[in-house]
Amino acid sequence: MSLRSLAEFAGASASFISQLERGHTSASVGMLRRIAGSLGLTMADLFSEEASPDPQVLRHGDRPELPAGPGARKFLVSRRPLQNVEIYSGQFDPGAGTGPGPYAHGDAQEFLLVLHGRVTLWLGEPGRAEEHRLASGDSIEYRTSTPHRLQTLGSAAAEVLWIISPPTSV
């Protein structure tokens, strides 16, 4: 989730969230609850750095849904708090994508796997981006710091999986 998206869902400004993330300001309990809820976390998750030793089952219907554009749905598949990897599932209607412009987040390794359908992935700045057409079963790796944008290709829906390590959320 982008800093701006988190700020919007939590009812705060992006600059406030950025300052909070960097330790330059503090937040009220109410604000922390809104931030946690926006991320699909509990208040305790915000303060826990320990991974649970038990297997963590996440049922399909219980996946936290993140904001996505029209015709797109994005779900967190990995359990919070994130430790070494974050995994997202994306479902896109025909013609839908991650948005009109590219985005970047952090500087980690990102792995995209097309589960169903066909997509086009653009890597790089607009006007100079490399275009990659991927079909079911295809995958590609890139840095999360590289501006990227995805859109379905053809008249069928698509489903993808993003695997990012280390986590770059907020």
Protein backbone atom coordinates (compact mmCIF):
# COMPACT_ATOMS: atom_id res chain seq x y z
CA MET A 1 0.00 0.00 0.00
CA SER A 2 1.36 3.41 -0.86
CA LEU A 3 1.91 6.06 1.79
CA ARG A 4 -0.82 8.20 0.20
CA SER A 5 -3.31 5.31 0.22
CA LEU A 6 -2.59 4.57 3.86
CA ALA A 7 -3.01 8.23 4.75
CA GLU A 8 -6.34 8.38 2.92
CA PHE A 9 -7.69 5.26 4.61
CA ALA A 10 -6.46 6.35 8.04
CA GLY A 11 -7.80 9.88 7.67
CA ALA A 12 -4.40 11.55 7.91
CA SER A 13 -2.06 13.46 5.64
CA ALA A 14 0.69 11.68 3.73
CA SER A 15 3.26 13.99 5.35
CA PHE A 16 2.02 13.00 8.83
CA ILE A 17 2.32 9.28 8.01
CA SER A 18 5.81 9.87 6.59
CA GLN A 19 6.91 11.74 9.71
CA LEU A 20 5.43 9.01 11.91
CA GLU A 21 7.23 6.31 9.92
CA ARG A 22 10.56 8.12 10.35
CA GLY A 23 10.01 8.70 14.09
CA HIS A 24 9.70 12.50 13.79
CA THR A 25 6.22 12.64 15.35
CA SER A 26 3.94 10.51 17.48
CA ALA A 27 0.34 9.42 16.98
CA SER A 28 -2.70 9.21 19.21
CA VAL A 29 -4.16 5.84 20.10
CA GLY A 30 -7.10 6.61 17.82
CA MET A 31 -4.81 7.34 14.89
CA LEU A 32 -2.81 4.16 15.54
CA ARG A 33 -6.08 2.18 15.52
CA ARG A 34 -7.04 3.72 12.16
CA ILE A 35 -3.59 2.99 10.71
CA ALA A 36 -3.66 -0.59 11.98
CA GLY A 37 -7.18 -1.12 10.62
CA SER A 38 -6.16 0.31 7.23
CA LEU A 39 -3.37 -2.26 7.05
CA GLY A 40 -5.50 -5.18 8.24
CA LEU A 41 -3.62 -5.26 11.55
CA THR A 42 -4.49 -5.15 15.21
CA MET A 43 -2.93 -2.62 17.57
CA ALA A 44 -0.80 -5.45 19.02
CA ASP A 45 0.57 -6.21 15.53
CA LEU A 46 1.99 -2.69 15.33
CA PHE A 47 4.22 -3.37 18.32
CA SER A 48 5.10 -7.03 17.81
CA GLU A 49 8.31 -7.98 16.03
CA GLU A 50 8.07 -11.67 16.80
CA ALA A 51 6.81 -14.18 14.27
CA SER A 52 4.36 -16.73 15.58
CA PRO A 53 5.98 -20.18 15.85
CA ASP A 54 2.70 -21.84 14.84
CA PRO A 55 1.52 -22.26 11.25
CA GLN A 56 -0.56 -19.24 10.24
CA VAL A 57 -3.62 -20.20 8.20
CA LEU A 58 -5.29 -17.39 6.28
CA ARG A 59 -8.60 -18.39 4.73
CA HIS A 60 -9.41 -17.06 1.26
CA GLY A 61 -12.42 -15.12 2.55
CA ASP A 62 -10.39 -13.56 5.37
CA ARG A 63 -7.68 -11.97 3.22
CA PRO A 64 -7.39 -8.22 3.87
CA GLU A 65 -8.42 -6.34 0.71
CA LEU A 66 -6.31 -3.36 -0.22
CA PRO A 67 -7.37 -0.39 -2.31
CA ALA A 68 -7.13 -0.98 -6.05
CA GLY A 69 -8.39 0.72 -9.18
CA PRO A 70 -11.65 0.07 -11.02
CA GLY A 71 -12.02 -3.57 -12.03
CA ALA A 72 -9.09 -4.58 -9.82
CA ARG A 73 -8.92 -6.31 -6.46
CA LYS A 74 -5.76 -6.71 -4.40
CA PHE A 75 -5.46 -8.94 -1.35
CA LEU A 76 -2.71 -9.46 1.21
CA VAL A 77 -1.93 -13.19 1.29
CA SER A 78 0.92 -13.16 3.83
CA ARG A 79 0.03 -12.81 7.50
CA ARG A 80 0.83 -9.71 9.54
CA PRO A 81 3.13 -8.75 11.00
CA LEU A 82 5.30 -9.18 7.93
CA GLN A 83 8.71 -10.64 8.68
CA ASN A 84 10.75 -11.60 5.62
CA VAL A 85 8.30 -11.62 2.73
CA GLU A 86 5.02 -10.04 1.68
CA ILE A 87 2.68 -11.71 -0.79
CA TYR A 88 -0.27 -10.18 -2.62
CA SER A 89 -2.89 -11.64 -4.92
CA GLY A 90 -4.31 -9.41 -7.65
CA GLN A 91 -7.46 -10.02 -9.67
CA PHE A 92 -8.12 -7.87 -12.72
CA ASP A 93 -11.15 -7.62 -14.98
CA PRO A 94 -10.48 -7.34 -18.73
CA GLY A 95 -8.81 -3.98 -19.41
CA ALA A 96 -8.18 -3.26 -15.72
CA GLY A 97 -4.79 -2.69 -14.16
CA THR A 98 -2.86 -1.12 -11.32
CA GLY A 99 -3.66 2.40 -12.50
CA PRO A 100 -2.78 4.87 -15.23
CA GLY A 101 0.72 5.61 -13.96
CA PRO A 102 3.63 3.55 -12.69
CA TYR A 103 4.46 3.28 -9.00
CA ALA A 104 7.50 2.24 -6.96
CA HIS A 105 7.85 1.24 -3.31
CA GLY A 106 11.00 0.72 -1.28
CA ASP A 107 13.95 -1.14 -2.77
CA ALA A 108 13.35 -4.88 -2.53
CA GLN A 109 13.14 -7.82 -4.91
CA GLU A 110 9.68 -8.24 -6.45
CA PHE A 111 8.57 -11.40 -8.20
CA LEU A 112 5.40 -11.35 -10.31
CA LEU A 113 3.73 -14.65 -11.28
CA VAL A 114 0.76 -14.72 -13.68
CA LEU A 115 -1.66 -17.35 -12.38
CA HIS A 116 -4.40 -16.89 -15.01
CA GLY A 117 -4.88 -14.77 -18.08
CA ARG A 118 -2.44 -12.42 -19.77
CA VAL A 119 -0.97 -9.12 -18.62
CA THR A 120 1.38 -6.42 -19.79
CA LEU A 121 3.93 -5.18 -17.26
CA TRP A 122 5.75 -1.91 -17.92
CA LEU A 123 9.04 -1.38 -16.08
CA GLY A 124 10.61 2.08 -16.03
CA GLU A 125 9.61 5.69 -16.45
CA PRO A 126 6.70 6.57 -18.77
CA GLY A 127 7.87 6.98 -22.34
CA ARG A 128 10.96 4.84 -21.67
CA ALA A 129 9.41 1.82 -19.98
CA GLU A 130 10.18 -1.71 -21.11
CA GLU A 131 7.03 -3.66 -22.04
CA HIS A 132 6.75 -7.28 -20.93
CA ARG A 133 3.80 -9.40 -22.11
CA LEU A 134 3.21 -12.30 -19.76
CA ALA A 135 0.80 -15.24 -19.94
CA SER A 136 -0.43 -17.78 -17.41
CA GLY A 137 2.58 -19.44 -15.78
CA ASP A 138 5.04 -16.69 -16.78
CA SER A 139 7.00 -14.78 -14.15
CA ILE A 140 9.35 -11.82 -13.95
CA GLU A 141 11.61 -10.35 -11.25
CA TYR A 142 12.52 -6.69 -10.75
CA ARG A 143 13.36 -4.17 -8.05
CA THR A 144 10.42 -2.49 -6.28
CA SER A 145 12.24 0.82 -6.76
CA THR A 146 11.74 0.49 -10.52
CA PRO A 147 8.53 2.27 -11.54
CA HIS A 148 6.07 -0.40 -12.67
CA ARG A 149 2.52 -0.72 -13.92
CA LEU A 150 0.41 -3.74 -14.88
CA GLN A 151 -2.66 -4.11 -17.10
CA THR A 152 -4.63 -7.08 -18.37
CA LEU A 153 -4.08 -8.04 -21.98
CA GLY A 154 -6.91 -9.30 -24.15
CA SER A 155 -10.54 -9.89 -23.33
CA ALA A 156 -10.11 -12.24 -20.36
CA ALA A 157 -9.66 -11.52 -16.66
CA ALA A 158 -6.24 -12.09 -15.08
CA GLU A 159 -4.93 -13.13 -11.70
CA VAL A 160 -1.38 -12.49 -10.49
CA LEU A 161 0.72 -13.06 -7.42
CA TRP A 162 3.32 -10.57 -6.18
CA ILE A 163 6.05 -11.84 -3.85
CA ILE A 164 8.27 -9.16 -2.30
CA SER A 165 11.31 -9.62 -0.10
CA PRO A 166 12.08 -7.95 2.19
CA PRO A 167 8.66 -6.36 2.84
CA THR A 168 8.23 -2.78 1.66
CA SER A 169 4.79 -1.96 3.08
CA VAL A 170 4.46 1.57 4.27
